[in-house]
N, C-alpha and C. Protein backbone atom coordinates (compact mmCIF):
# COMPACT_ATOMS: atom_id res chain seq x y z
N MET A 1 -13.78 11.98 20.06
CA MET A 1 -12.93 11.03 20.72
C MET A 1 -12.06 11.70 21.77
N LEU A 2 -11.30 12.67 21.38
CA LEU A 2 -10.40 13.33 22.32
C LEU A 2 -11.14 14.32 23.22
N LEU A 3 -12.22 14.90 22.72
CA LEU A 3 -12.96 15.90 23.50
C LEU A 3 -13.81 15.30 24.60
N GLN A 4 -14.16 14.01 24.48
CA GLN A 4 -15.00 13.34 25.48
C GLN A 4 -16.30 14.09 25.76
N LEU A 5 -16.96 14.51 24.69
CA LEU A 5 -18.23 15.21 24.81
C LEU A 5 -19.35 14.22 25.12
N ALA A 6 -20.49 14.74 25.55
CA ALA A 6 -21.60 13.90 26.01
C ALA A 6 -22.07 12.91 24.95
N HIS A 7 -22.07 13.32 23.67
CA HIS A 7 -22.60 12.42 22.64
C HIS A 7 -21.75 11.16 22.46
N THR A 8 -20.50 11.20 22.90
CA THR A 8 -19.64 10.03 22.74
C THR A 8 -20.05 8.89 23.66
N LYS A 9 -20.91 9.18 24.62
CA LYS A 9 -21.40 8.16 25.55
C LYS A 9 -22.74 7.57 25.10
N LEU A 10 -23.31 8.10 24.02
CA LEU A 10 -24.60 7.61 23.53
C LEU A 10 -24.44 6.25 22.86
N ASP A 11 -25.41 5.38 23.06
CA ASP A 11 -25.39 4.06 22.41
C ASP A 11 -25.33 4.20 20.89
N ILE A 12 -26.09 5.15 20.34
CA ILE A 12 -26.13 5.32 18.89
C ILE A 12 -24.77 5.74 18.34
N PHE A 13 -24.05 6.55 19.09
CA PHE A 13 -22.73 7.00 18.65
C PHE A 13 -21.78 5.80 18.55
N ASN A 14 -21.81 4.96 19.56
CA ASN A 14 -20.95 3.77 19.54
C ASN A 14 -21.39 2.77 18.48
N ALA A 15 -22.70 2.61 18.31
CA ALA A 15 -23.22 1.67 17.31
C ALA A 15 -22.85 2.11 15.89
N THR A 16 -22.93 3.41 15.63
CA THR A 16 -22.59 3.87 14.27
C THR A 16 -21.09 3.81 14.02
N GLN A 17 -20.31 3.94 15.07
CA GLN A 17 -18.87 3.75 14.90
C GLN A 17 -18.57 2.29 14.56
N ASP A 18 -19.27 1.37 15.24
CA ASP A 18 -19.14 -0.06 14.92
C ASP A 18 -19.57 -0.33 13.49
N LEU A 19 -20.65 0.33 13.05
CA LEU A 19 -21.15 0.17 11.69
C LEU A 19 -20.08 0.58 10.67
N ALA A 20 -19.45 1.72 10.89
CA ALA A 20 -18.43 2.21 9.96
C ALA A 20 -17.25 1.24 9.90
N VAL A 21 -16.82 0.78 11.05
CA VAL A 21 -15.69 -0.16 11.10
C VAL A 21 -16.06 -1.46 10.39
N GLU A 22 -17.28 -1.95 10.61
CA GLU A 22 -17.70 -3.19 9.96
C GLU A 22 -17.79 -3.02 8.44
N CYS A 23 -18.22 -1.84 7.99
CA CYS A 23 -18.25 -1.58 6.54
C CYS A 23 -16.85 -1.68 5.95
N TYR A 24 -15.87 -1.16 6.66
CA TYR A 24 -14.49 -1.26 6.20
C TYR A 24 -14.07 -2.73 6.11
N HIS A 25 -14.43 -3.52 7.12
CA HIS A 25 -14.06 -4.93 7.11
C HIS A 25 -14.72 -5.67 5.94
N VAL A 26 -16.01 -5.45 5.75
CA VAL A 26 -16.75 -6.15 4.69
C VAL A 26 -16.22 -5.77 3.31
N THR A 27 -15.94 -4.50 3.11
CA THR A 27 -15.53 -4.05 1.77
C THR A 27 -14.09 -4.42 1.43
N LYS A 28 -13.31 -4.85 2.40
CA LYS A 28 -11.95 -5.30 2.11
C LYS A 28 -11.93 -6.46 1.12
N ALA A 29 -12.97 -7.27 1.13
CA ALA A 29 -13.03 -8.45 0.27
C ALA A 29 -13.61 -8.16 -1.11
N PHE A 30 -14.04 -6.92 -1.36
CA PHE A 30 -14.61 -6.58 -2.67
C PHE A 30 -13.51 -6.59 -3.73
N PRO A 31 -13.89 -6.79 -4.98
CA PRO A 31 -12.89 -6.80 -6.06
C PRO A 31 -12.13 -5.47 -6.15
N ASN A 32 -10.90 -5.55 -6.62
CA ASN A 32 -10.06 -4.36 -6.75
C ASN A 32 -10.66 -3.30 -7.67
N ASP A 33 -11.40 -3.73 -8.68
CA ASP A 33 -11.98 -2.75 -9.60
C ASP A 33 -13.11 -1.95 -8.97
N GLU A 34 -13.54 -2.32 -7.77
CA GLU A 34 -14.55 -1.55 -7.04
C GLU A 34 -13.92 -0.59 -6.02
N LYS A 35 -12.61 -0.58 -5.96
CA LYS A 35 -11.91 0.23 -4.96
C LYS A 35 -12.34 1.69 -4.96
N PHE A 36 -12.54 2.28 -6.13
CA PHE A 36 -12.90 3.69 -6.21
C PHE A 36 -14.37 3.88 -6.58
N ALA A 37 -15.14 2.81 -6.48
CA ALA A 37 -16.57 2.90 -6.80
C ALA A 37 -17.38 2.50 -5.57
N LEU A 38 -17.89 1.30 -5.58
CA LEU A 38 -18.79 0.87 -4.51
C LEU A 38 -18.10 0.84 -3.14
N VAL A 39 -16.85 0.46 -3.09
CA VAL A 39 -16.13 0.43 -1.81
C VAL A 39 -16.09 1.82 -1.19
N GLN A 40 -15.66 2.81 -1.95
CA GLN A 40 -15.57 4.17 -1.43
C GLN A 40 -16.94 4.74 -1.08
N GLN A 41 -17.93 4.45 -1.91
CA GLN A 41 -19.29 4.94 -1.65
C GLN A 41 -19.82 4.38 -0.34
N LEU A 42 -19.64 3.09 -0.14
CA LEU A 42 -20.10 2.45 1.09
C LEU A 42 -19.38 2.99 2.31
N ARG A 43 -18.09 3.09 2.21
CA ARG A 43 -17.31 3.59 3.35
C ARG A 43 -17.66 5.03 3.68
N ARG A 44 -17.79 5.86 2.65
CA ARG A 44 -18.14 7.28 2.88
C ARG A 44 -19.51 7.40 3.55
N ALA A 45 -20.47 6.63 3.06
CA ALA A 45 -21.82 6.69 3.62
C ALA A 45 -21.81 6.23 5.08
N ALA A 46 -21.10 5.15 5.37
CA ALA A 46 -21.05 4.63 6.74
C ALA A 46 -20.40 5.63 7.70
N VAL A 47 -19.33 6.24 7.26
CA VAL A 47 -18.67 7.24 8.10
C VAL A 47 -19.57 8.46 8.26
N SER A 48 -20.31 8.81 7.24
CA SER A 48 -21.22 9.95 7.31
C SER A 48 -22.37 9.72 8.30
N VAL A 49 -22.80 8.48 8.43
CA VAL A 49 -23.82 8.16 9.45
C VAL A 49 -23.29 8.61 10.80
N HIS A 50 -22.09 8.19 11.10
CA HIS A 50 -21.45 8.47 12.39
C HIS A 50 -21.16 9.96 12.58
N LEU A 51 -20.59 10.59 11.57
CA LEU A 51 -20.18 11.99 11.70
C LEU A 51 -21.36 12.95 11.80
N ASN A 52 -22.46 12.64 11.12
CA ASN A 52 -23.63 13.50 11.21
C ASN A 52 -24.27 13.44 12.59
N ILE A 53 -24.17 12.31 13.26
CA ILE A 53 -24.65 12.23 14.64
C ILE A 53 -23.79 13.11 15.53
N ALA A 54 -22.49 13.02 15.36
CA ALA A 54 -21.57 13.85 16.15
C ALA A 54 -21.85 15.34 15.93
N GLU A 55 -21.97 15.73 14.68
CA GLU A 55 -22.21 17.14 14.39
C GLU A 55 -23.58 17.58 14.88
N GLY A 56 -24.58 16.74 14.68
CA GLY A 56 -25.93 17.08 15.10
C GLY A 56 -26.04 17.26 16.61
N CYS A 57 -25.34 16.43 17.35
CA CYS A 57 -25.38 16.54 18.81
C CYS A 57 -24.76 17.84 19.32
N SER A 58 -23.95 18.47 18.50
CA SER A 58 -23.32 19.73 18.92
C SER A 58 -24.23 20.94 18.68
N ARG A 59 -25.34 20.73 17.97
CA ARG A 59 -26.24 21.83 17.64
C ARG A 59 -27.15 22.17 18.82
N LYS A 60 -27.39 23.45 19.02
CA LYS A 60 -28.23 23.89 20.13
C LYS A 60 -29.72 23.79 19.80
N SER A 61 -30.07 23.96 18.57
CA SER A 61 -31.46 23.94 18.14
C SER A 61 -31.97 22.52 17.95
N GLU A 62 -33.16 22.24 18.49
CA GLU A 62 -33.79 20.93 18.30
C GLU A 62 -34.00 20.65 16.82
N VAL A 63 -34.40 21.67 16.07
CA VAL A 63 -34.66 21.52 14.64
C VAL A 63 -33.37 21.12 13.92
N GLU A 64 -32.27 21.78 14.26
CA GLU A 64 -30.99 21.44 13.63
C GLU A 64 -30.54 20.03 14.02
N ARG A 65 -30.70 19.70 15.31
CA ARG A 65 -30.30 18.36 15.76
C ARG A 65 -31.08 17.29 15.01
N ARG A 66 -32.39 17.49 14.91
CA ARG A 66 -33.23 16.53 14.20
C ARG A 66 -32.80 16.41 12.74
N ARG A 67 -32.50 17.53 12.11
CA ARG A 67 -32.09 17.52 10.70
C ARG A 67 -30.83 16.68 10.49
N TYR A 68 -29.84 16.84 11.36
CA TYR A 68 -28.62 16.05 11.25
C TYR A 68 -28.89 14.56 11.48
N LEU A 69 -29.81 14.26 12.39
CA LEU A 69 -30.19 12.86 12.61
C LEU A 69 -30.89 12.29 11.38
N GLU A 70 -31.71 13.11 10.74
CA GLU A 70 -32.38 12.68 9.51
C GLU A 70 -31.35 12.44 8.39
N ILE A 71 -30.38 13.31 8.30
CA ILE A 71 -29.31 13.12 7.30
C ILE A 71 -28.56 11.83 7.59
N SER A 72 -28.25 11.61 8.86
CA SER A 72 -27.56 10.39 9.27
C SER A 72 -28.36 9.15 8.88
N ARG A 73 -29.68 9.19 9.12
CA ARG A 73 -30.53 8.06 8.76
C ARG A 73 -30.55 7.86 7.24
N GLY A 74 -30.52 8.95 6.50
CA GLY A 74 -30.46 8.84 5.04
C GLY A 74 -29.19 8.14 4.57
N PHE A 75 -28.07 8.47 5.19
CA PHE A 75 -26.82 7.78 4.84
C PHE A 75 -26.88 6.31 5.24
N LEU A 76 -27.55 6.01 6.34
CA LEU A 76 -27.71 4.62 6.76
C LEU A 76 -28.51 3.83 5.73
N ILE A 77 -29.55 4.45 5.20
CA ILE A 77 -30.34 3.81 4.14
C ILE A 77 -29.48 3.61 2.90
N GLU A 78 -28.59 4.56 2.63
CA GLU A 78 -27.65 4.43 1.50
C GLU A 78 -26.73 3.23 1.71
N VAL A 79 -26.23 3.04 2.93
CA VAL A 79 -25.38 1.89 3.23
C VAL A 79 -26.16 0.60 2.96
N ASP A 80 -27.39 0.55 3.43
CA ASP A 80 -28.22 -0.64 3.24
C ASP A 80 -28.43 -0.93 1.75
N ALA A 81 -28.73 0.10 0.98
CA ALA A 81 -28.96 -0.07 -0.46
C ALA A 81 -27.68 -0.52 -1.17
N ALA A 82 -26.54 0.05 -0.81
CA ALA A 82 -25.27 -0.31 -1.43
C ALA A 82 -24.87 -1.74 -1.10
N ILE A 83 -25.12 -2.16 0.13
CA ILE A 83 -24.83 -3.55 0.50
C ILE A 83 -25.72 -4.49 -0.29
N GLY A 84 -26.95 -4.07 -0.55
CA GLY A 84 -27.85 -4.88 -1.38
C GLY A 84 -27.29 -5.09 -2.78
N ILE A 85 -26.73 -4.04 -3.35
CA ILE A 85 -26.11 -4.15 -4.68
C ILE A 85 -24.89 -5.07 -4.62
N ALA A 86 -24.05 -4.86 -3.61
CA ALA A 86 -22.85 -5.70 -3.46
C ALA A 86 -23.23 -7.17 -3.30
N TYR A 87 -24.29 -7.43 -2.57
CA TYR A 87 -24.76 -8.80 -2.37
C TYR A 87 -25.21 -9.41 -3.70
N ARG A 88 -25.97 -8.65 -4.46
CA ARG A 88 -26.46 -9.15 -5.75
C ARG A 88 -25.32 -9.37 -6.75
N LEU A 89 -24.26 -8.61 -6.60
CA LEU A 89 -23.08 -8.78 -7.46
C LEU A 89 -22.15 -9.88 -6.94
N SER A 90 -22.54 -10.51 -5.83
CA SER A 90 -21.77 -11.59 -5.19
C SER A 90 -20.42 -11.13 -4.65
N TYR A 91 -20.34 -9.84 -4.27
CA TYR A 91 -19.12 -9.34 -3.63
C TYR A 91 -19.07 -9.77 -2.16
N CYS A 92 -20.23 -10.12 -1.63
CA CYS A 92 -20.33 -10.58 -0.25
C CYS A 92 -21.50 -11.56 -0.18
N ASP A 93 -21.48 -12.39 0.85
CA ASP A 93 -22.61 -13.30 1.02
C ASP A 93 -23.26 -13.05 2.37
N THR A 94 -24.30 -13.79 2.65
CA THR A 94 -25.06 -13.58 3.89
C THR A 94 -24.17 -13.66 5.12
N LYS A 95 -23.26 -14.63 5.12
CA LYS A 95 -22.35 -14.80 6.26
C LYS A 95 -21.50 -13.54 6.47
N ASP A 96 -21.06 -12.94 5.37
CA ASP A 96 -20.20 -11.75 5.45
C ASP A 96 -20.93 -10.54 6.02
N ILE A 97 -22.22 -10.47 5.78
CA ILE A 97 -22.94 -9.24 6.14
C ILE A 97 -23.91 -9.40 7.32
N ASN A 98 -23.86 -10.55 8.01
CA ASN A 98 -24.76 -10.74 9.16
C ASN A 98 -24.58 -9.65 10.21
N LYS A 99 -23.35 -9.43 10.65
CA LYS A 99 -23.11 -8.41 11.68
C LYS A 99 -23.48 -7.03 11.17
N LEU A 100 -23.13 -6.74 9.92
CA LEU A 100 -23.46 -5.44 9.33
C LEU A 100 -24.97 -5.25 9.29
N GLY A 101 -25.69 -6.30 8.93
CA GLY A 101 -27.15 -6.22 8.88
C GLY A 101 -27.74 -5.92 10.25
N GLU A 102 -27.23 -6.58 11.27
CA GLU A 102 -27.70 -6.32 12.64
C GLU A 102 -27.44 -4.87 13.04
N LEU A 103 -26.27 -4.36 12.69
CA LEU A 103 -25.92 -2.98 13.01
C LEU A 103 -26.81 -1.99 12.26
N ILE A 104 -27.08 -2.26 11.00
CA ILE A 104 -27.95 -1.38 10.21
C ILE A 104 -29.33 -1.30 10.85
N ILE A 105 -29.89 -2.45 11.19
CA ILE A 105 -31.24 -2.48 11.79
C ILE A 105 -31.24 -1.77 13.13
N SER A 106 -30.26 -2.06 13.97
CA SER A 106 -30.19 -1.43 15.28
C SER A 106 -30.03 0.09 15.17
N CYS A 107 -29.13 0.53 14.31
CA CYS A 107 -28.91 1.97 14.13
C CYS A 107 -30.16 2.65 13.58
N PHE A 108 -30.84 1.99 12.65
CA PHE A 108 -32.05 2.57 12.07
C PHE A 108 -33.11 2.77 13.15
N LYS A 109 -33.30 1.78 14.00
CA LYS A 109 -34.29 1.89 15.09
C LYS A 109 -33.91 3.00 16.05
N GLN A 110 -32.65 3.05 16.42
CA GLN A 110 -32.20 4.08 17.37
C GLN A 110 -32.32 5.48 16.78
N LEU A 111 -31.91 5.63 15.53
CA LEU A 111 -32.02 6.94 14.88
C LEU A 111 -33.47 7.37 14.73
N SER A 112 -34.33 6.45 14.35
CA SER A 112 -35.75 6.77 14.19
C SER A 112 -36.35 7.20 15.52
N ALA A 113 -35.98 6.52 16.60
CA ALA A 113 -36.47 6.90 17.93
C ALA A 113 -35.98 8.28 18.33
N MET A 114 -34.72 8.56 18.03
CA MET A 114 -34.17 9.89 18.36
C MET A 114 -34.84 10.98 17.54
N ILE A 115 -35.09 10.71 16.27
CA ILE A 115 -35.76 11.70 15.41
C ILE A 115 -37.16 11.95 15.94
N ASN A 116 -37.86 10.89 16.29
CA ASN A 116 -39.21 11.07 16.85
C ASN A 116 -39.17 11.85 18.15
N HIS A 117 -38.18 11.60 18.98
CA HIS A 117 -38.03 12.33 20.24
C HIS A 117 -37.82 13.82 20.00
N HIS A 118 -37.00 14.16 19.01
CA HIS A 118 -36.71 15.56 18.71
C HIS A 118 -37.83 16.23 17.93
N SER A 119 -38.80 15.43 17.47
CA SER A 119 -39.94 16.00 16.74
C SER A 119 -41.03 16.45 17.70
N ASN A 120 -41.01 15.92 18.91
CA ASN A 120 -42.06 16.26 19.90
C ASN A 120 -41.74 17.50 20.68
């Protein structure tokens, strides 16, 4: 943010920041007894998606960059799985997670494209 490095201008960087913020918004409505369980797990995973992109973009090696992108995608899949559990527990409904769902799908596509690009 303060450094204004090149990765901060990437669409994926901004999308994953939106994803993390939306996770915070969605989890605000979860029950208090989930505060240190599913809420924290979801928030940590969402922030990790974003932070691994930032760290990966700072790596000089293509192999290292790809690895951080793969880690980021893994955390994104974790967010998706955790939201699925929250949905089944009725902590959120379809209306609550529409924007989050769009962000998850968009970020997954962008990350997959970037990983494929760094694999070639």
